[in-house]
Amino acid sequence: MTSDRMDIDVSVTDEFSDLVSEVWLRKVANTSLHAAFPDSLPGHVSILITGDSYIQHLNATYRGLNEITDVLAFSSQHNGHWEGEIQENPMLEDNSDSFVFPPDIIQPLGEIVISYPQIERQALENNNSISKELSFITGHGILHLAGYDHEEPDEAEIMRSKEVEILSQINFEDDHDI
């Protein structure tokens, strides 16, 4: 599903609102979307920057993993992987009947949720700036919305190539840009 328009909604919880510029993150998302969808505009994407406890809750609820993660991508087009023990997961149901949107509505591509504290930890571990780590993870999430995955080695190689392409298009002068 693609549309002729694109919309990016960025929300940052109050706790991190002084640390992340919504304008900057929207630019990163725009760059990522154009790399993931070079021939069309994908529709509406929502990005939420939040804390560890919320993303852990979502990870447990929607992936069956009761642990903190850096990013979760909830695609309106592609099911994610269920890794928990409970086999009855509504995310895995085959919904072959598509919801029909009115013609004037920008169709949703999906939502991305990012844990800012996890980004800080990973930036330190990876010897990256926070802006580079946040850009990488935002691009990673958007690629998941576009259907890219890294479960198999060949898929991972393709996805990694797209991630490198995205990062090469973003200017990282320093973290005060975010």
Protein backbone atom coordinates (compact mmCIF):
# COMPACT_ATOMS: atom_id res chain seq x y z
CA MET A 1 0.00 0.00 0.00
CA THR A 2 1.36 3.38 -0.95
CA SER A 3 -0.19 6.79 -1.19
CA ASP A 4 0.54 9.95 -3.06
CA ARG A 5 1.20 11.79 0.21
CA MET A 6 3.45 11.26 3.21
CA ASP A 7 2.93 12.39 6.80
CA ILE A 8 5.29 11.91 9.74
CA ASP A 9 4.03 12.38 13.28
CA VAL A 10 6.70 12.55 16.00
CA SER A 11 5.90 12.52 19.72
CA VAL A 12 8.43 12.67 22.52
CA THR A 13 7.31 11.95 26.08
CA ASP A 14 7.83 14.83 28.51
CA GLU A 15 10.77 13.09 30.18
CA PHE A 16 12.82 13.29 26.96
CA SER A 17 11.33 16.38 25.30
CA ASP A 18 14.41 18.52 26.07
CA LEU A 19 16.71 15.84 24.60
CA VAL A 20 15.12 15.15 21.21
CA SER A 21 13.98 17.68 18.63
CA GLU A 22 10.80 16.55 16.90
CA VAL A 23 11.81 18.60 13.85
CA TRP A 24 15.21 16.87 13.65
CA LEU A 25 13.70 13.40 14.10
CA ARG A 26 11.11 14.13 11.40
CA LYS A 27 13.99 14.94 9.00
CA VAL A 28 15.71 11.65 9.87
CA ALA A 29 12.44 9.77 9.34
CA ASN A 30 11.89 11.53 6.01
CA THR A 31 15.38 10.50 4.83
CA SER A 32 14.71 6.93 5.97
CA LEU A 33 11.33 6.78 4.25
CA HIS A 34 12.76 7.97 0.93
CA ALA A 35 15.45 5.26 1.14
CA ALA A 36 12.91 2.56 2.04
CA PHE A 37 10.41 3.71 -0.63
CA PRO A 38 12.47 5.23 -3.45
CA ASP A 39 9.65 5.10 -6.02
CA SER A 40 6.61 6.13 -3.97
CA LEU A 41 5.44 7.90 -0.84
CA PRO A 42 4.40 5.47 1.89
CA GLY A 43 1.63 7.25 3.79
CA HIS A 44 1.46 8.11 7.50
CA VAL A 45 4.12 7.12 10.04
CA SER A 46 4.02 7.78 13.78
CA ILE A 47 7.16 7.81 15.92
CA LEU A 48 7.14 7.83 19.72
CA ILE A 49 10.23 8.42 21.86
CA THR A 50 9.59 6.98 25.31
CA GLY A 51 11.24 5.23 28.25
CA ASP A 52 12.28 1.70 29.12
CA SER A 53 9.20 0.64 31.10
CA TYR A 54 6.73 1.49 28.33
CA ILE A 55 8.71 -0.22 25.58
CA GLN A 56 9.22 -3.27 27.82
CA HIS A 57 5.45 -3.42 28.36
CA LEU A 58 4.81 -3.20 24.60
CA ASN A 59 7.50 -5.79 23.87
CA ALA A 60 5.94 -8.23 26.34
CA THR A 61 2.42 -7.59 25.05
CA TYR A 62 3.05 -7.68 21.31
CA ARG A 63 6.16 -9.84 20.90
CA GLY A 64 6.07 -12.09 23.94
CA LEU A 65 9.45 -10.82 25.18
CA ASN A 66 9.37 -9.27 28.64
CA GLU A 67 12.51 -7.21 28.13
CA ILE A 68 13.65 -3.76 27.13
CA THR A 69 14.42 -3.25 23.46
CA ASP A 70 15.57 -0.27 21.44
CA VAL A 71 12.78 -0.08 18.86
CA LEU A 72 9.46 -1.68 18.07
CA ALA A 73 7.87 -1.28 14.65
CA PHE A 74 4.14 -1.88 14.27
CA SER A 75 3.46 -2.12 10.56
CA SER A 76 -0.02 -1.85 9.10
CA GLN A 77 1.19 -4.09 6.24
CA HIS A 78 3.57 -6.69 7.70
CA ASN A 79 3.16 -8.91 10.76
CA GLY A 80 5.99 -8.95 13.26
CA HIS A 81 7.57 -11.99 14.86
CA TRP A 82 5.97 -13.46 17.97
CA GLU A 83 8.65 -14.93 20.19
CA GLY A 84 6.76 -15.64 23.40
CA GLU A 85 5.35 -18.85 24.75
CA ILE A 86 1.67 -17.99 24.31
CA GLN A 87 0.54 -19.18 20.90
CA GLU A 88 -2.71 -17.19 20.77
CA ASN A 89 -1.47 -13.83 19.52
CA PRO A 90 -3.78 -11.49 17.60
CA MET A 91 -0.75 -10.04 15.78
CA LEU A 92 -0.28 -13.38 14.00
CA GLU A 93 -3.84 -13.75 12.73
CA ASP A 94 -4.25 -13.67 8.99
CA ASN A 95 -6.26 -10.57 8.26
CA SER A 96 -6.70 -11.03 4.54
CA ASP A 97 -9.62 -8.58 4.42
CA SER A 98 -8.13 -5.13 4.03
CA PHE A 99 -9.63 -2.16 5.81
CA VAL A 100 -10.80 0.41 3.26
CA PHE A 101 -9.83 4.01 3.96
CA PRO A 102 -11.69 7.02 2.56
CA PRO A 103 -9.88 8.48 -0.48
CA ASP A 104 -8.86 11.71 1.31
CA ILE A 105 -7.16 9.93 4.24
CA ILE A 106 -3.39 9.38 4.23
CA GLN A 107 -3.12 5.64 4.75
CA PRO A 108 -1.09 4.46 7.75
CA LEU A 109 2.22 2.72 7.18
CA GLY A 110 2.71 2.05 10.88
CA GLU A 111 4.12 3.18 14.18
CA ILE A 112 7.61 3.12 15.63
CA VAL A 113 8.32 3.23 19.36
CA ILE A 114 11.88 3.96 20.54
CA SER A 115 13.34 3.77 24.05
CA TYR A 116 15.55 6.82 24.54
CA PRO A 117 17.42 5.35 27.56
CA GLN A 118 18.25 2.25 25.49
CA ILE A 119 19.51 4.49 22.68
CA GLU A 120 21.80 6.23 25.19
CA ARG A 121 23.17 2.87 26.40
CA GLN A 122 23.70 1.58 22.86
CA ALA A 123 25.39 4.81 21.77
CA LEU A 124 27.88 4.34 24.60
CA GLU A 125 28.39 0.64 23.82
CA ASN A 126 28.80 1.29 20.08
CA ASN A 127 30.99 4.37 20.56
CA ASN A 128 28.41 6.44 18.63
CA SER A 129 26.90 9.82 19.27
CA ILE A 130 23.32 9.71 20.48
CA SER A 131 22.21 11.39 17.24
CA LYS A 132 23.85 8.69 15.13
CA GLU A 133 22.39 5.88 17.25
CA LEU A 134 18.93 7.45 17.20
CA SER A 135 19.16 7.96 13.43
CA PHE A 136 20.23 4.35 12.92
CA ILE A 137 17.38 3.01 15.07
CA THR A 138 14.81 5.27 13.43
CA GLY A 139 15.91 4.05 10.00
CA HIS A 140 15.91 0.47 11.27
CA GLY A 141 12.32 0.83 12.47
CA ILE A 142 11.16 2.41 9.22
CA LEU A 143 12.78 -0.38 7.24
CA HIS A 144 10.77 -2.87 9.31
CA LEU A 145 7.60 -0.93 8.43
CA ALA A 146 8.59 -1.30 4.77
CA GLY A 147 8.87 -5.08 5.17
CA TYR A 148 12.64 -5.42 5.58
CA ASP A 149 13.79 -7.97 8.13
CA HIS A 150 16.96 -9.49 9.53
CA GLU A 151 15.83 -12.95 10.57
CA GLU A 152 17.75 -14.69 7.79
CA PRO A 153 21.35 -13.86 6.77
CA ASP A 154 20.43 -12.74 3.24
CA GLU A 155 17.62 -10.52 4.60
CA ALA A 156 19.98 -9.07 7.20
CA GLU A 157 22.53 -8.20 4.53
CA ILE A 158 19.95 -6.35 2.43
CA MET A 159 18.60 -4.51 5.47
CA ARG A 160 22.08 -3.55 6.64
CA SER A 161 22.85 -2.12 3.20
CA LYS A 162 19.75 0.08 3.41
CA GLU A 163 20.71 1.19 6.94
CA VAL A 164 24.16 2.25 5.71
CA GLU A 165 22.52 4.12 2.82
CA ILE A 166 20.27 6.00 5.26
CA LEU A 167 23.11 6.91 7.62
CA SER A 168 25.22 8.17 4.72
CA GLN A 169 22.53 10.77 3.98
CA ILE A 170 22.37 12.23 7.50
CA ASN A 171 24.74 14.90 8.81
CA PHE A 172 26.03 14.17 12.34
CA GLU A 173 27.83 17.27 13.51
CA ASP A 174 27.09 16.72 17.18
CA ASP A 175 24.32 15.73 19.56
CA HIS A 176 23.00 19.24 20.08
CA ASP A 177 21.39 18.92 16.63
CA ILE A 178 18.90 16.40 17.98
